[in-house]
Structures are given as structure tokens and as C-alpha cells.
Amino acid sequence: SVLSISSDGRFGVYHIPNYGKLNYSGIFGVEGVLASIRKEKDLGHPMLENVRQGNWLLTYLCDRLSPYPKLLKIQSIIRQCLNSICHIPFQYQPRMFDRVISTIWNISKK
């Protein structure tokens, strides 16, 4: 899957094959789906399959911050965390993805 670009040139919401578009863009949209996956223990969810198949969602989340110079340091930290996921066996990538996203989500709420 690739990123969606909205008509004003900014990133739109991410589209997950066999699921559809996220309701919200960025980490907020991803965390909402992950919360449902955690609750249902749905390890076969299309979002997790998307993470197993490639780093498109990881790239989307990092690249969304590019237009905001004040967030470049945060973007770099997030990119390092998410890129580390690409180097572990694919069957463990969804679990690590969930841990990274939920950690970022919890920190951002503070």
C-alpha cells in the first residue's frame, strides 16, 4: 500500500489493503485500530498483515512529520524505533509495532 496524498498536498489517511482507509491520519488513526486489535486479540487483522509484508505503514507514520520542522527531532527518534522493527523476524514485527506505537501514543498524551 502507498500513502494517500490529499488535494492540498499533505498526507491523507493511510489505506490498508483488505481493510480500507483509517478513520484518522497518523498515529491517532493507527492507535485506534491497534486498540481494537488488542481487545479482540485479532492477530490476523489486515493492519498487522500490512506490517508483516512491508514497511509502508512505518514510512507513512514517519513521513507525515516531515512538513513540520519543529517535529524533526521527534521524527528521527520515531524513525529509528520503527526502522528497528524491519530487522526482526516478520512474525514478531506486529507485536513490536504495537509496542512502539502504544509507547509513542502514551507519551504524546502527557
C-alpha atoms as a PDB file:
ATOM      1  CA  SER A   1       0.000   0.000   0.000  1.00  0.00           C
ATOM      2  CA  VAL A   2       1.110   3.559  -0.559  1.00  0.00           C
ATOM      3  CA  LEU A   3       0.313   6.790   1.188  1.00  0.00           C
ATOM      4  CA  SER A   4      -2.626   8.889   0.254  1.00  0.00           C
ATOM      5  CA  ILE A   5      -1.949  12.495  -0.572  1.00  0.00           C
ATOM      6  CA  SER A   6      -4.791  14.909  -0.015  1.00  0.00           C
ATOM      7  CA  SER A   7      -5.688  17.587  -2.524  1.00  0.00           C
ATOM      8  CA  ASP A   8      -3.757  20.266  -0.653  1.00  0.00           C
ATOM      9  CA  GLY A   9      -0.517  18.254  -0.937  1.00  0.00           C
ATOM     10  CA  ARG A  10      -0.472  16.995   2.643  1.00  0.00           C
ATOM     11  CA  PHE A  11      -0.629  13.379   3.638  1.00  0.00           C
ATOM     12  CA  GLY A  12      -4.093  11.938   3.847  1.00  0.00           C
ATOM     13  CA  VAL A  13      -5.208   8.887   5.773  1.00  0.00           C
ATOM     14  CA  TYR A  14      -3.473   5.551   5.240  1.00  0.00           C
ATOM     15  CA  HIS A  15      -5.232   2.843   3.255  1.00  0.00           C
ATOM     16  CA  ILE A  16      -4.814  -0.744   4.457  1.00  0.00           C
ATOM     17  CA  PRO A  17      -5.493  -3.456   1.860  1.00  0.00           C
ATOM     18  CA  ASN A  18      -8.454  -5.680   2.810  1.00  0.00           C
ATOM     19  CA  TYR A  19      -9.472  -3.152   5.475  1.00  0.00           C
ATOM     20  CA  GLY A  20      -9.808   0.312   3.962  1.00  0.00           C
ATOM     21  CA  LYS A  21      -8.793   3.787   4.992  1.00  0.00           C
ATOM     22  CA  LEU A  22      -8.037   4.605   8.606  1.00  0.00           C
ATOM     23  CA  ASN A  23     -10.533   6.952  10.247  1.00  0.00           C
ATOM     24  CA  TYR A  24      -7.770   9.356  11.247  1.00  0.00           C
ATOM     25  CA  SER A  25      -4.335  10.073   9.866  1.00  0.00           C
ATOM     26  CA  GLY A  26      -1.037   9.469  11.645  1.00  0.00           C
ATOM     27  CA  ILE A  27      -0.528   7.695  14.928  1.00  0.00           C
ATOM     28  CA  PHE A  28      -4.030   8.583  16.152  1.00  0.00           C
ATOM     29  CA  GLY A  29      -5.608   6.520  13.375  1.00  0.00           C
ATOM     30  CA  VAL A  30      -3.209   3.616  13.847  1.00  0.00           C
ATOM     31  CA  GLU A  31      -3.603   3.511  17.625  1.00  0.00           C
ATOM     32  CA  GLY A  32      -7.382   3.348  17.287  1.00  0.00           C
ATOM     33  CA  VAL A  33      -7.157   0.236  15.142  1.00  0.00           C
ATOM     34  CA  LEU A  34      -4.448  -1.305  17.333  1.00  0.00           C
ATOM     35  CA  ALA A  35      -6.644  -0.823  20.417  1.00  0.00           C
ATOM     36  CA  SER A  36      -9.383  -2.826  18.710  1.00  0.00           C
ATOM     37  CA  ILE A  37      -6.885  -5.495  17.624  1.00  0.00           C
ATOM     38  CA  ARG A  38      -5.615  -5.795  21.215  1.00  0.00           C
ATOM     39  CA  LYS A  39      -9.128  -6.084  22.597  1.00  0.00           C
ATOM     40  CA  GLU A  40     -10.167  -8.743  20.074  1.00  0.00           C
ATOM     41  CA  LYS A  41      -6.732 -10.451  20.029  1.00  0.00           C
ATOM     42  CA  ASP A  42      -7.013 -10.404  16.225  1.00  0.00           C
ATOM     43  CA  LEU A  43      -3.521 -11.398  15.089  1.00  0.00           C
ATOM     44  CA  GLY A  44      -4.809 -11.878  11.534  1.00  0.00           C
ATOM     45  CA  HIS A  45      -6.008  -8.284  11.205  1.00  0.00           C
ATOM     46  CA  PRO A  46      -5.163  -6.662   7.844  1.00  0.00           C
ATOM     47  CA  MET A  47      -3.138  -3.915   9.580  1.00  0.00           C
ATOM     48  CA  LEU A  48      -0.844  -6.496  11.150  1.00  0.00           C
ATOM     49  CA  GLU A  49      -0.547  -8.298   7.830  1.00  0.00           C
ATOM     50  CA  ASN A  50       0.401  -4.966   6.231  1.00  0.00           C
ATOM     51  CA  VAL A  51       3.172  -4.551   8.825  1.00  0.00           C
ATOM     52  CA  ARG A  52       4.401  -8.116   8.175  1.00  0.00           C
ATOM     53  CA  GLN A  53       4.507  -7.586   4.407  1.00  0.00           C
ATOM     54  CA  GLY A  54       6.447  -4.345   4.273  1.00  0.00           C
ATOM     55  CA  ASN A  55       7.386  -1.071   5.897  1.00  0.00           C
ATOM     56  CA  TRP A  56       4.825   1.126   4.114  1.00  0.00           C
ATOM     57  CA  LEU A  57       2.877   1.995   7.251  1.00  0.00           C
ATOM     58  CA  LEU A  58       6.084   2.673   9.173  1.00  0.00           C
ATOM     59  CA  THR A  59       7.295   5.007   6.420  1.00  0.00           C
ATOM     60  CA  TYR A  60       3.913   6.752   6.276  1.00  0.00           C
ATOM     61  CA  LEU A  61       3.946   7.469  10.015  1.00  0.00           C
ATOM     62  CA  CYS A  62       7.450   8.953   9.904  1.00  0.00           C
ATOM     63  CA  ASP A  63       6.980  10.907   6.691  1.00  0.00           C
ATOM     64  CA  ARG A  64       3.813  12.583   7.985  1.00  0.00           C
ATOM     65  CA  LEU A  65       6.011  14.625  10.333  1.00  0.00           C
ATOM     66  CA  SER A  66       8.334  15.925   7.570  1.00  0.00           C
ATOM     67  CA  PRO A  67       6.410  19.150   6.863  1.00  0.00           C
ATOM     68  CA  TYR A  68       6.800  20.242  10.493  1.00  0.00           C
ATOM     69  CA  PRO A  69      10.365  21.445  11.245  1.00  0.00           C
ATOM     70  CA  LYS A  70       9.705  21.571  14.989  1.00  0.00           C
ATOM     71  CA  LEU A  71       8.971  17.840  14.948  1.00  0.00           C
ATOM     72  CA  LEU A  72      12.072  16.702  13.039  1.00  0.00           C
ATOM     73  CA  LYS A  73      13.873  15.522  16.188  1.00  0.00           C
ATOM     74  CA  ILE A  74      10.825  13.541  17.256  1.00  0.00           C
ATOM     75  CA  GLN A  75      10.515  12.214  13.706  1.00  0.00           C
ATOM     76  CA  SER A  76      14.116  10.992  13.850  1.00  0.00           C
ATOM     77  CA  ILE A  77      13.510   9.140  17.125  1.00  0.00           C
ATOM     78  CA  ILE A  78      10.299   7.590  15.822  1.00  0.00           C
ATOM     79  CA  ARG A  79      12.013   6.588  12.562  1.00  0.00           C
ATOM     80  CA  GLN A  80      14.812   4.847  14.496  1.00  0.00           C
ATOM     81  CA  CYS A  81      12.309   2.933  16.602  1.00  0.00           C
ATOM     82  CA  LEU A  82      10.137   1.941  13.676  1.00  0.00           C
ATOM     83  CA  ASN A  83      13.078   1.079  11.414  1.00  0.00           C
ATOM     84  CA  SER A  84      14.364  -1.337  14.047  1.00  0.00           C
ATOM     85  CA  ILE A  85      11.161  -3.334  13.516  1.00  0.00           C
ATOM     86  CA  CYS A  86      12.221  -4.092   9.923  1.00  0.00           C
ATOM     87  CA  HIS A  87      15.237  -6.022  11.190  1.00  0.00           C
ATOM     88  CA  ILE A  88      13.413  -8.581  13.310  1.00  0.00           C
ATOM     89  CA  PRO A  89      11.672 -11.739  12.013  1.00  0.00           C
ATOM     90  CA  PHE A  90       8.400 -10.839  10.285  1.00  0.00           C
ATOM     91  CA  GLN A  91       6.254 -12.863  12.680  1.00  0.00           C
ATOM     92  CA  TYR A  92       7.365 -10.611  15.578  1.00  0.00           C
ATOM     93  CA  GLN A  93       7.038  -7.318  13.717  1.00  0.00           C
ATOM     94  CA  PRO A  94       3.352  -6.678  14.549  1.00  0.00           C
ATOM     95  CA  ARG A  95       3.994  -7.117  18.277  1.00  0.00           C
ATOM     96  CA  MET A  96       6.944  -4.728  18.221  1.00  0.00           C
ATOM     97  CA  PHE A  97       4.999  -2.297  16.033  1.00  0.00           C
ATOM     98  CA  ASP A  98       2.206  -2.300  18.604  1.00  0.00           C
ATOM     99  CA  ARG A  99       4.672  -1.701  21.438  1.00  0.00           C
ATOM    100  CA  VAL A 100       6.345   1.214  19.653  1.00  0.00           C
ATOM    101  CA  ILE A 101       3.054   2.844  18.634  1.00  0.00           C
ATOM    102  CA  SER A 102       1.445   2.396  22.052  1.00  0.00           C
ATOM    103  CA  THR A 103       4.549   3.849  23.743  1.00  0.00           C
ATOM    104  CA  ILE A 104       4.540   6.865  21.418  1.00  0.00           C
ATOM    105  CA  TRP A 105       0.790   7.246  21.962  1.00  0.00           C
ATOM    106  CA  ASN A 106       1.104   7.137  25.756  1.00  0.00           C
ATOM    107  CA  ILE A 107       3.991   9.639  25.780  1.00  0.00           C
ATOM    108  CA  SER A 108       2.131  12.007  23.449  1.00  0.00           C
ATOM    109  CA  LYS A 109      -0.868  12.114  25.819  1.00  0.00           C
ATOM    110  CA  LYS A 110       1.273  13.513  28.647  1.00  0.00           C
END
